[in-house]
Amino acid sequence: MAKTLQVDLVAVEEKVWSGEAEMLVARTTEGELGVLPGHAPLLGQLANPGQVRVKLAGGKELAYEVSGGFLSVTTEGVTVLAESAVAVER
């Protein structure tokens, strides 16, 4: 069984998505960042506008256009705190 990480995507007004994922990819001010289970802790600023992609088990992928905010990676998982997040149809 593949390892997963807990992902929480939160906008100012609501929790947008929460669950287990195989990988998260986010566009930050430093460039695109991929986060896998076991990633070193970090804090990054999301690019404005930016995109966050959540890769789920089975190959499914969720994508969100985000504006402003931060990405926090800890030993427990990833939290994305955005000013706004809108689902993108794929």
Protein backbone atom coordinates (compact mmCIF):
# COMPACT_ATOMS: atom_id res chain seq x y z
CA MET A 1 0.00 0.00 0.00
CA ALA A 2 1.37 3.40 -1.00
CA LYS A 3 1.96 6.03 1.64
CA THR A 4 -0.35 9.03 1.66
CA LEU A 5 -0.35 12.44 3.24
CA GLN A 6 -3.18 14.38 4.86
CA VAL A 7 -4.12 17.45 2.81
CA ASP A 8 -6.30 20.33 3.97
CA LEU A 9 -7.17 23.09 1.50
CA VAL A 10 -8.79 26.04 3.26
CA ALA A 11 -10.01 29.37 1.85
CA VAL A 12 -10.97 32.39 3.93
CA GLU A 13 -14.65 31.47 4.01
CA GLU A 14 -14.59 27.65 4.05
CA LYS A 15 -12.75 24.35 4.08
CA VAL A 16 -12.52 23.56 0.36
CA TRP A 17 -11.18 19.99 0.46
CA SER A 18 -9.69 17.61 3.00
CA GLY A 19 -8.47 14.06 2.63
CA GLU A 20 -5.65 11.65 1.87
CA ALA A 21 -3.50 12.16 -1.23
CA GLU A 22 -0.44 10.59 -2.83
CA MET A 23 1.04 13.97 -3.80
CA LEU A 24 0.34 17.69 -3.80
CA VAL A 25 1.77 20.13 -6.34
CA ALA A 26 1.55 23.88 -5.74
CA ARG A 27 2.82 26.95 -7.58
CA THR A 28 4.70 29.13 -5.09
CA THR A 29 6.62 32.38 -5.43
CA GLU A 30 9.79 30.24 -5.58
CA GLY A 31 8.46 27.98 -8.35
CA GLU A 32 6.43 24.78 -8.56
CA LEU A 33 6.72 22.54 -5.52
CA GLY A 34 5.81 18.86 -5.25
CA VAL A 35 5.10 17.36 -1.83
CA LEU A 36 5.20 13.61 -1.20
CA PRO A 37 4.73 11.73 2.08
CA GLY A 38 7.77 12.27 4.30
CA HIS A 39 8.63 15.69 2.81
CA ALA A 40 10.70 17.98 5.03
CA PRO A 41 8.69 20.62 6.90
CA LEU A 42 8.48 24.01 5.16
CA LEU A 43 6.41 27.14 4.77
CA GLY A 44 5.90 28.63 1.31
CA GLN A 45 4.01 31.59 -0.15
CA LEU A 46 1.55 30.69 -2.92
CA ALA A 47 1.95 32.44 -6.27
CA ASN A 48 -0.80 34.91 -7.07
CA PRO A 49 -2.59 33.68 -9.11
CA GLY A 50 -1.53 30.11 -8.52
CA GLN A 51 -2.68 26.55 -8.80
CA VAL A 52 -2.77 23.62 -6.40
CA ARG A 53 -3.12 20.06 -7.72
CA VAL A 54 -3.94 17.12 -5.46
CA LYS A 55 -3.07 13.67 -6.82
CA LEU A 56 -5.27 10.96 -5.35
CA ALA A 57 -4.85 7.19 -5.30
CA GLY A 58 -5.95 5.59 -8.55
CA GLY A 59 -4.64 8.43 -10.71
CA LYS A 60 -7.45 10.92 -10.12
CA GLU A 61 -6.35 14.54 -9.80
CA LEU A 62 -8.11 17.58 -8.32
CA ALA A 63 -7.05 21.09 -9.31
CA TYR A 64 -7.80 24.46 -7.74
CA GLU A 65 -7.00 28.00 -8.85
CA VAL A 66 -5.91 29.89 -5.74
CA SER A 67 -5.10 33.50 -5.01
CA GLY A 68 -2.80 34.55 -2.21
CA GLY A 69 -1.97 32.52 0.84
CA PHE A 70 0.50 30.01 2.18
CA LEU A 71 1.42 26.34 2.07
CA SER A 72 2.55 24.61 5.27
CA VAL A 73 4.17 21.17 5.25
CA THR A 74 4.53 19.38 8.60
CA THR A 75 5.09 15.80 9.67
CA GLU A 76 1.27 15.45 9.84
CA GLY A 77 0.62 16.58 6.26
CA VAL A 78 0.02 19.67 4.13
CA THR A 79 -2.22 22.65 4.83
CA VAL A 80 -2.96 25.19 2.11
CA LEU A 81 -4.36 28.48 3.41
CA ALA A 82 -5.58 30.56 0.47
CA GLU A 83 -7.55 33.79 0.18
CA SER A 84 -9.72 32.04 -2.42
CA ALA A 85 -9.81 28.61 -4.07
CA VAL A 86 -11.93 27.62 -7.05
CA ALA A 87 -12.11 24.08 -8.46
CA VAL A 88 -10.85 23.66 -12.03
CA GLU A 89 -12.54 21.10 -14.28
CA ARG A 90 -10.03 18.61 -15.70
